[in-house]
Amino acid sequence: KPEEVVFENEQIYDKFARGVVILSDLLK
């Protein structure tokens, strides 16, 4: 996997997209 980074300037829709990615990773 690519290295993790600390996310800056996240808006509400960015956090929603992050949630989509986390859910996708969990459910494969």
PDB file of all heavy atoms in Angstrom:
ATOM      1  N   LYS A   1       0.836  -1.203   0.000  1.00  0.00           N
ATOM      2  CA  LYS A   1       0.000   0.000   0.000  1.00  0.00           C
ATOM      3  C   LYS A   1       0.869   1.251   0.000  1.00  0.00           C
ATOM      4  O   LYS A   1       1.968   1.254   0.574  1.00  0.00           O
ATOM      5  CB  LYS A   1      -0.896   0.020   1.237  1.00  0.00           C
ATOM      6  CG  LYS A   1      -2.036  -0.972   1.223  1.00  0.00           C
ATOM      7  CD  LYS A   1      -2.806  -0.931   2.543  1.00  0.00           C
ATOM      8  CE  LYS A   1      -3.364   0.447   2.828  1.00  0.00           C
ATOM      9  NZ  LYS A   1      -4.154   0.484   4.074  1.00  0.00           N
ATOM     10  N   PRO A   2       0.371   2.355  -0.588  1.00  0.00           N
ATOM     11  CA  PRO A   2       1.113   3.617  -0.498  1.00  0.00           C
ATOM     12  C   PRO A   2       1.195   4.110   0.942  1.00  0.00           C
ATOM     13  O   PRO A   2       0.376   3.738   1.792  1.00  0.00           O
ATOM     14  CB  PRO A   2       0.264   4.585  -1.340  1.00  0.00           C
ATOM     15  CG  PRO A   2      -0.633   3.738  -2.149  1.00  0.00           C
ATOM     16  CD  PRO A   2      -0.856   2.481  -1.381  1.00  0.00           C
ATOM     17  N   GLU A   3       2.190   4.920   1.206  1.00  0.00           N
ATOM     18  CA  GLU A   3       2.356   5.488   2.545  1.00  0.00           C
ATOM     19  C   GLU A   3       1.136   6.325   2.936  1.00  0.00           C
ATOM     20  O   GLU A   3       0.501   6.954   2.093  1.00  0.00           O
ATOM     21  CB  GLU A   3       3.605   6.378   2.580  1.00  0.00           C
ATOM     22  CG  GLU A   3       4.904   5.617   2.363  1.00  0.00           C
ATOM     23  CD  GLU A   3       6.102   6.544   2.249  1.00  0.00           C
ATOM     24  OE1 GLU A   3       5.935   7.770   2.484  1.00  0.00           O
ATOM     25  OE2 GLU A   3       7.198   6.060   1.916  1.00  0.00           O
ATOM     26  N   GLU A   4       0.827   6.335   4.217  1.00  0.00           N
ATOM     27  CA  GLU A   4      -0.263   7.164   4.728  1.00  0.00           C
ATOM     28  C   GLU A   4       0.203   8.618   4.826  1.00  0.00           C
ATOM     29  O   GLU A   4       1.385   8.892   5.028  1.00  0.00           O
ATOM     30  CB  GLU A   4      -0.698   6.673   6.108  1.00  0.00           C
ATOM     31  CG  GLU A   4      -1.236   5.243   6.126  1.00  0.00           C
ATOM     32  CD  GLU A   4      -2.605   5.127   5.489  1.00  0.00           C
ATOM     33  OE1 GLU A   4      -3.292   6.170   5.381  1.00  0.00           O
ATOM     34  OE2 GLU A   4      -2.980   4.009   5.079  1.00  0.00           O
ATOM     35  N   VAL A   5      -0.724   9.540   4.688  1.00  0.00           N
ATOM     36  CA  VAL A   5      -0.419  10.957   4.905  1.00  0.00           C
ATOM     37  C   VAL A   5      -1.460  11.550   5.846  1.00  0.00           C
ATOM     38  O   VAL A   5      -2.543  10.989   6.018  1.00  0.00           O
ATOM     39  CB  VAL A   5      -0.403  11.762   3.580  1.00  0.00           C
ATOM     40  CG1 VAL A   5       0.689  11.269   2.651  1.00  0.00           C
ATOM     41  CG2 VAL A   5      -1.752  11.716   2.888  1.00  0.00           C
ATOM     42  N   VAL A   6      -1.116  12.677   6.438  1.00  0.00           N
ATOM     43  CA  VAL A   6      -2.074  13.405   7.275  1.00  0.00           C
ATOM     44  C   VAL A   6      -2.857  14.342   6.358  1.00  0.00           C
ATOM     45  O   VAL A   6      -2.276  15.165   5.653  1.00  0.00           O
ATOM     46  CB  VAL A   6      -1.348  14.217   8.375  1.00  0.00           C
ATOM     47  CG1 VAL A   6      -2.354  15.031   9.181  1.00  0.00           C
ATOM     48  CG2 VAL A   6      -0.565  13.279   9.286  1.00  0.00           C
ATOM     49  N   PHE A   7      -4.176  14.227   6.339  1.00  0.00           N
ATOM     50  CA  PHE A   7      -5.001  15.003   5.418  1.00  0.00           C
ATOM     51  C   PHE A   7      -5.280  16.391   5.975  1.00  0.00           C
ATOM     52  O   PHE A   7      -5.641  16.555   7.132  1.00  0.00           O
ATOM     53  CB  PHE A   7      -6.307  14.267   5.135  1.00  0.00           C
ATOM     54  CG  PHE A   7      -6.090  12.938   4.457  1.00  0.00           C
ATOM     55  CD1 PHE A   7      -6.362  11.757   5.129  1.00  0.00           C
ATOM     56  CD2 PHE A   7      -5.572  12.878   3.177  1.00  0.00           C
ATOM     57  CE1 PHE A   7      -6.142  10.536   4.511  1.00  0.00           C
ATOM     58  CE2 PHE A   7      -5.345  11.662   2.557  1.00  0.00           C
ATOM     59  CZ  PHE A   7      -5.633  10.489   3.226  1.00  0.00           C
ATOM     60  N   GLU A   8      -5.094  17.382   5.120  1.00  0.00           N
ATOM     61  CA  GLU A   8      -5.320  18.784   5.474  1.00  0.00           C
ATOM     62  C   GLU A   8      -6.550  19.308   4.728  1.00  0.00           C
ATOM     63  O   GLU A   8      -6.920  18.817   3.666  1.00  0.00           O
ATOM     64  CB  GLU A   8      -4.109  19.639   5.081  1.00  0.00           C
ATOM     65  CG  GLU A   8      -2.792  19.203   5.700  1.00  0.00           C
ATOM     66  CD  GLU A   8      -2.660  19.616   7.157  1.00  0.00           C
ATOM     67  OE1 GLU A   8      -3.522  20.401   7.615  1.00  0.00           O
ATOM     68  OE2 GLU A   8      -1.704  19.171   7.808  1.00  0.00           O
ATOM     69  N   ASN A   9      -7.165  20.330   5.302  1.00  0.00           N
ATOM     70  CA  ASN A   9      -8.211  21.078   4.605  1.00  0.00           C
ATOM     71  C   ASN A   9      -9.371  20.189   4.144  1.00  0.00           C
ATOM     72  O   ASN A   9      -9.945  20.400   3.079  1.00  0.00           O
ATOM     73  CB  ASN A   9      -7.600  21.802   3.396  1.00  0.00           C
ATOM     74  CG  ASN A   9      -8.436  22.975   2.930  1.00  0.00           C
ATOM     75  OD1 ASN A   9      -9.050  23.652   3.742  1.00  0.00           O
ATOM     76  ND2 ASN A   9      -8.472  23.197   1.632  1.00  0.00           N
ATOM     77  N   GLU A  10      -9.728  19.191   4.953  1.00  0.00           N
ATOM     78  CA  GLU A  10     -10.841  18.306   4.593  1.00  0.00           C
ATOM     79  C   GLU A  10     -12.176  19.014   4.817  1.00  0.00           C
ATOM     80  O   GLU A  10     -12.436  19.512   5.910  1.00  0.00           O
ATOM     81  CB  GLU A  10     -10.815  17.036   5.438  1.00  0.00           C
ATOM     82  CG  GLU A  10      -9.820  16.001   4.987  1.00  0.00           C
ATOM     83  CD  GLU A  10      -9.947  14.720   5.798  1.00  0.00           C
ATOM     84  OE1 GLU A  10      -9.702  14.767   7.016  1.00  0.00           O
ATOM     85  OE2 GLU A  10     -10.297  13.688   5.226  1.00  0.00           O
ATOM     86  N   GLN A  11     -13.009  19.020   3.785  1.00  0.00           N
ATOM     87  CA  GLN A  11     -14.359  19.540   3.898  1.00  0.00           C
ATOM     88  C   GLN A  11     -15.318  18.370   4.123  1.00  0.00           C
ATOM     89  O   GLN A  11     -14.931  17.210   4.062  1.00  0.00           O
ATOM     90  CB  GLN A  11     -14.737  20.308   2.630  1.00  0.00           C
ATOM     91  CG  GLN A  11     -13.751  21.392   2.246  1.00  0.00           C
ATOM     92  CD  GLN A  11     -13.582  22.458   3.322  1.00  0.00           C
ATOM     93  OE1 GLN A  11     -14.572  22.971   3.834  1.00  0.00           O
ATOM     94  NE2 GLN A  11     -12.341  22.790   3.656  1.00  0.00           N
ATOM     95  N   ILE A  12     -16.598  18.672   4.356  1.00  0.00           N
ATOM     96  CA  ILE A  12     -17.555  17.623   4.697  1.00  0.00           C
ATOM     97  C   ILE A  12     -17.655  16.561   3.603  1.00  0.00           C
ATOM     98  O   ILE A  12     -17.739  15.364   3.887  1.00  0.00           O
ATOM     99  CB  ILE A  12     -18.951  18.231   5.011  1.00  0.00           C
ATOM    100  CG1 ILE A  12     -19.895  17.121   5.480  1.00  0.00           C
ATOM    101  CG2 ILE A  12     -19.517  18.990   3.798  1.00  0.00           C
ATOM    102  CD1 ILE A  12     -21.198  17.652   6.063  1.00  0.00           C
ATOM    103  N   TYR A  13     -17.611  16.978   2.315  1.00  0.00           N
ATOM    104  CA  TYR A  13     -17.745  16.003   1.237  1.00  0.00           C
ATOM    105  C   TYR A  13     -16.472  15.170   1.070  1.00  0.00           C
ATOM    106  O   TYR A  13     -16.522  14.031   0.603  1.00  0.00           O
ATOM    107  CB  TYR A  13     -18.126  16.691  -0.071  1.00  0.00           C
ATOM    108  CG  TYR A  13     -19.446  17.428   0.026  1.00  0.00           C
ATOM    109  CD1 TYR A  13     -19.533  18.796  -0.229  1.00  0.00           C
ATOM    110  CD2 TYR A  13     -20.613  16.756   0.404  1.00  0.00           C
ATOM    111  CE1 TYR A  13     -20.741  19.464  -0.128  1.00  0.00           C
ATOM    112  CE2 TYR A  13     -21.830  17.424   0.512  1.00  0.00           C
ATOM    113  CZ  TYR A  13     -21.881  18.783   0.248  1.00  0.00           C
ATOM    114  OH  TYR A  13     -23.081  19.440   0.361  1.00  0.00           O
ATOM    115  N   ASP A  14     -15.323  15.729   1.453  1.00  0.00           N
ATOM    116  CA  ASP A  14     -14.086  14.945   1.476  1.00  0.00           C
ATOM    117  C   ASP A  14     -14.206  13.829   2.513  1.00  0.00           C
ATOM    118  O   ASP A  14     -13.841  12.679   2.256  1.00  0.00           O
ATOM    119  CB  ASP A  14     -12.885  15.838   1.826  1.00  0.00           C
ATOM    120  CG  ASP A  14     -12.664  16.940   0.814  1.00  0.00           C
ATOM    121  OD1 ASP A  14     -12.710  16.660  -0.383  1.00  0.00           O
ATOM    122  OD2 ASP A  14     -12.467  18.100   1.243  1.00  0.00           O
ATOM    123  N   LYS A  15     -14.718  14.171   3.680  1.00  0.00           N
ATOM    124  CA  LYS A  15     -14.857  13.172   4.748  1.00  0.00           C
ATOM    125  C   LYS A  15     -15.857  12.095   4.353  1.00  0.00           C
ATOM    126  O   LYS A  15     -15.684  10.914   4.681  1.00  0.00           O
ATOM    127  CB  LYS A  15     -15.277  13.860   6.044  1.00  0.00           C
ATOM    128  CG  LYS A  15     -14.201  14.769   6.616  1.00  0.00           C
ATOM    129  CD  LYS A  15     -14.661  15.511   7.855  1.00  0.00           C
ATOM    130  CE  LYS A  15     -13.555  16.426   8.372  1.00  0.00           C
ATOM    131  NZ  LYS A  15     -13.980  17.199   9.572  1.00  0.00           N
ATOM    132  N   PHE A  16     -16.891  12.481   3.631  1.00  0.00           N
ATOM    133  CA  PHE A  16     -17.856  11.503   3.143  1.00  0.00           C
ATOM    134  C   PHE A  16     -17.162  10.527   2.184  1.00  0.00           C
ATOM    135  O   PHE A  16     -17.354   9.307   2.271  1.00  0.00           O
ATOM    136  CB  PHE A  16     -19.006  12.216   2.431  1.00  0.00           C
ATOM    137  CG  PHE A  16     -20.178  11.327   2.118  1.00  0.00           C
ATOM    138  CD1 PHE A  16     -21.279  11.266   2.965  1.00  0.00           C
ATOM    139  CD2 PHE A  16     -20.184  10.544   0.972  1.00  0.00           C
ATOM    140  CE1 PHE A  16     -22.349  10.446   2.668  1.00  0.00           C
ATOM    141  CE2 PHE A  16     -21.248   9.731   0.673  1.00  0.00           C
ATOM    142  CZ  PHE A  16     -22.337   9.671   1.522  1.00  0.00           C
ATOM    143  N   ALA A  17     -16.341  11.074   1.275  1.00  0.00           N
ATOM    144  CA  ALA A  17     -15.608  10.219   0.330  1.00  0.00           C
ATOM    145  C   ALA A  17     -14.634   9.312   1.070  1.00  0.00           C
ATOM    146  O   ALA A  17     -14.456   8.142   0.690  1.00  0.00           O
ATOM    147  CB  ALA A  17     -14.854  11.091  -0.678  1.00  0.00           C
ATOM    148  N   ARG A  18     -14.007   9.828   2.127  1.00  0.00           N
ATOM    149  CA  ARG A  18     -13.100   8.987   2.913  1.00  0.00           C
ATOM    150  C   ARG A  18     -13.878   7.833   3.535  1.00  0.00           C
ATOM    151  O   ARG A  18     -13.404   6.705   3.610  1.00  0.00           O
ATOM    152  CB  ARG A  18     -12.399   9.812   3.990  1.00  0.00           C
ATOM    153  CG  ARG A  18     -11.483   8.965   4.865  1.00  0.00           C
ATOM    154  CD  ARG A  18     -10.202   9.656   5.245  1.00  0.00           C
ATOM    155  NE  ARG A  18     -10.343  10.843   6.039  1.00  0.00           N
ATOM    156  CZ  ARG A  18      -9.826  10.971   7.280  1.00  0.00           C
ATOM    157  NH1 ARG A  18      -9.205   9.958   7.854  1.00  0.00           N
ATOM    158  NH2 ARG A  18      -9.931  12.108   7.919  1.00  0.00           N
ATOM    159  N   GLY A  19     -15.113   8.117   3.966  1.00  0.00           N
ATOM    160  CA  GLY A  19     -15.956   7.072   4.527  1.00  0.00           C
ATOM    161  C   GLY A  19     -16.276   5.991   3.496  1.00  0.00           C
ATOM    162  O   GLY A  19     -16.294   4.800   3.816  1.00  0.00           O
ATOM    163  N   VAL A  20     -16.522   6.417   2.270  1.00  0.00           N
ATOM    164  CA  VAL A  20     -16.776   5.466   1.178  1.00  0.00           C
ATOM    165  C   VAL A  20     -15.576   4.542   0.997  1.00  0.00           C
ATOM    166  O   VAL A  20     -15.706   3.318   0.866  1.00  0.00           O
ATOM    167  CB  VAL A  20     -17.081   6.216  -0.136  1.00  0.00           C
ATOM    168  CG1 VAL A  20     -17.081   5.261  -1.328  1.00  0.00           C
ATOM    169  CG2 VAL A  20     -18.417   6.939  -0.038  1.00  0.00           C
ATOM    170  N   VAL A  21     -14.382   5.124   1.005  1.00  0.00           N
ATOM    171  CA  VAL A  21     -13.156   4.340   0.812  1.00  0.00           C
ATOM    172  C   VAL A  21     -12.933   3.383   1.980  1.00  0.00           C
ATOM    173  O   VAL A  21     -12.593   2.199   1.783  1.00  0.00           O
ATOM    174  CB  VAL A  21     -11.943   5.272   0.615  1.00  0.00           C
ATOM    175  CG1 VAL A  21     -10.633   4.487   0.643  1.00  0.00           C
ATOM    176  CG2 VAL A  21     -12.074   6.040  -0.689  1.00  0.00           C
ATOM    177  N   ILE A  22     -13.125   3.863   3.191  1.00  0.00           N
ATOM    178  CA  ILE A  22     -12.946   2.998   4.373  1.00  0.00           C
ATOM    179  C   ILE A  22     -13.911   1.818   4.317  1.00  0.00           C
ATOM    180  O   ILE A  22     -13.541   0.660   4.557  1.00  0.00           O
ATOM    181  CB  ILE A  22     -13.149   3.815   5.669  1.00  0.00           C
ATOM    182  CG1 ILE A  22     -11.992   4.808   5.850  1.00  0.00           C
ATOM    183  CG2 ILE A  22     -13.241   2.892   6.884  1.00  0.00           C
ATOM    184  CD1 ILE A  22     -12.219   5.826   6.956  1.00  0.00           C
ATOM    185  N   LEU A  23     -15.175   2.105   3.989  1.00  0.00           N
ATOM    186  CA  LEU A  23     -16.182   1.043   3.898  1.00  0.00           C
ATOM    187  C   LEU A  23     -15.817   0.045   2.798  1.00  0.00           C
ATOM    188  O   LEU A  23     -15.930  -1.176   2.983  1.00  0.00           O
ATOM    189  CB  LEU A  23     -17.550   1.658   3.620  1.00  0.00           C
ATOM    190  CG  LEU A  23     -18.752   0.697   3.587  1.00  0.00           C
ATOM    191  CD1 LEU A  23     -18.890  -0.038   4.909  1.00  0.00           C
ATOM    192  CD2 LEU A  23     -20.027   1.466   3.254  1.00  0.00           C
ATOM    193  N   SER A  24     -15.362   0.551   1.660  1.00  0.00           N
ATOM    194  CA  SER A  24     -14.956  -0.323   0.563  1.00  0.00           C
ATOM    195  C   SER A  24     -13.798  -1.227   0.974  1.00  0.00           C
ATOM    196  O   SER A  24     -13.791  -2.426   0.669  1.00  0.00           O
ATOM    197  CB  SER A  24     -14.555   0.523  -0.645  1.00  0.00           C
ATOM    198  OG  SER A  24     -13.891  -0.252  -1.605  1.00  0.00           O
ATOM    199  N   ASP A  25     -12.816  -0.656   1.667  1.00  0.00           N
ATOM    200  CA  ASP A  25     -11.673  -1.452   2.120  1.00  0.00           C
ATOM    201  C   ASP A  25     -12.105  -2.525   3.113  1.00  0.00           C
ATOM    202  O   ASP A  25     -11.626  -3.668   3.068  1.00  0.00           O
ATOM    203  CB  ASP A  25     -10.607  -0.545   2.750  1.00  0.00           C
ATOM    204  CG  ASP A  25      -9.896   0.323   1.709  1.00  0.00           C
ATOM    205  OD1 ASP A  25     -10.055   0.058   0.501  1.00  0.00           O
ATOM    206  OD2 ASP A  25      -9.188   1.269   2.115  1.00  0.00           O
ATOM    207  N   LEU A  26     -13.016  -2.171   4.023  1.00  0.00           N
ATOM    208  CA  LEU A  26     -13.492  -3.135   5.032  1.00  0.00           C
ATOM    209  C   LEU A  26     -14.271  -4.278   4.382  1.00  0.00           C
ATOM    210  O   LEU A  26     -14.113  -5.446   4.765  1.00  0.00           O
ATOM    211  CB  LEU A  26     -14.371  -2.428   6.063  1.00  0.00           C
ATOM    212  CG  LEU A  26     -13.653  -1.530   7.077  1.00  0.00           C
ATOM    213  CD1 LEU A  26     -14.673  -0.750   7.904  1.00  0.00           C
ATOM    214  CD2 LEU A  26     -12.774  -2.373   8.005  1.00  0.00           C
ATOM    215  N   LEU A  27     -15.121  -3.947   3.417  1.00  0.00           N
ATOM    216  CA  LEU A  27     -15.968  -4.950   2.765  1.00  0.00           C
ATOM    217  C   LEU A  27     -15.274  -5.628   1.583  1.00  0.00           C
ATOM    218  O   LEU A  27     -15.824  -6.568   1.005  1.00  0.00           O
ATOM    219  CB  LEU A  27     -17.269  -4.303   2.278  1.00  0.00           C
ATOM    220  CG  LEU A  27     -18.189  -3.711   3.346  1.00  0.00           C
ATOM    221  CD1 LEU A  27     -19.404  -3.065   2.690  1.00  0.00           C
ATOM    222  CD2 LEU A  27     -18.636  -4.789   4.340  1.00  0.00           C
ATOM    223  N   LYS A  28     -14.064  -5.122   1.236  1.00  0.00           N
ATOM    224  CA  LYS A  28     -13.337  -5.600   0.055  1.00  0.00           C
ATOM    225  C   LYS A  28     -14.226  -5.534  -1.193  1.00  0.00           C
ATOM    226  O   LYS A  28     -14.315  -6.481  -1.987  1.00  0.00           O
ATOM    227  CB  LYS A  28     -12.807  -7.027   0.284  1.00  0.00           C
ATOM    228  CG  LYS A  28     -11.853  -7.132   1.470  1.00  0.00           C
ATOM    229  CD  LYS A  28     -11.174  -8.456   1.536  1.00  0.00           C
ATOM    230  CE  LYS A  28     -10.286  -8.577   2.771  1.00  0.00           C
ATOM    231  NZ  LYS A  28      -9.328  -7.490   2.938  1.00  0.00           N
TER     232      LYS A  28
END
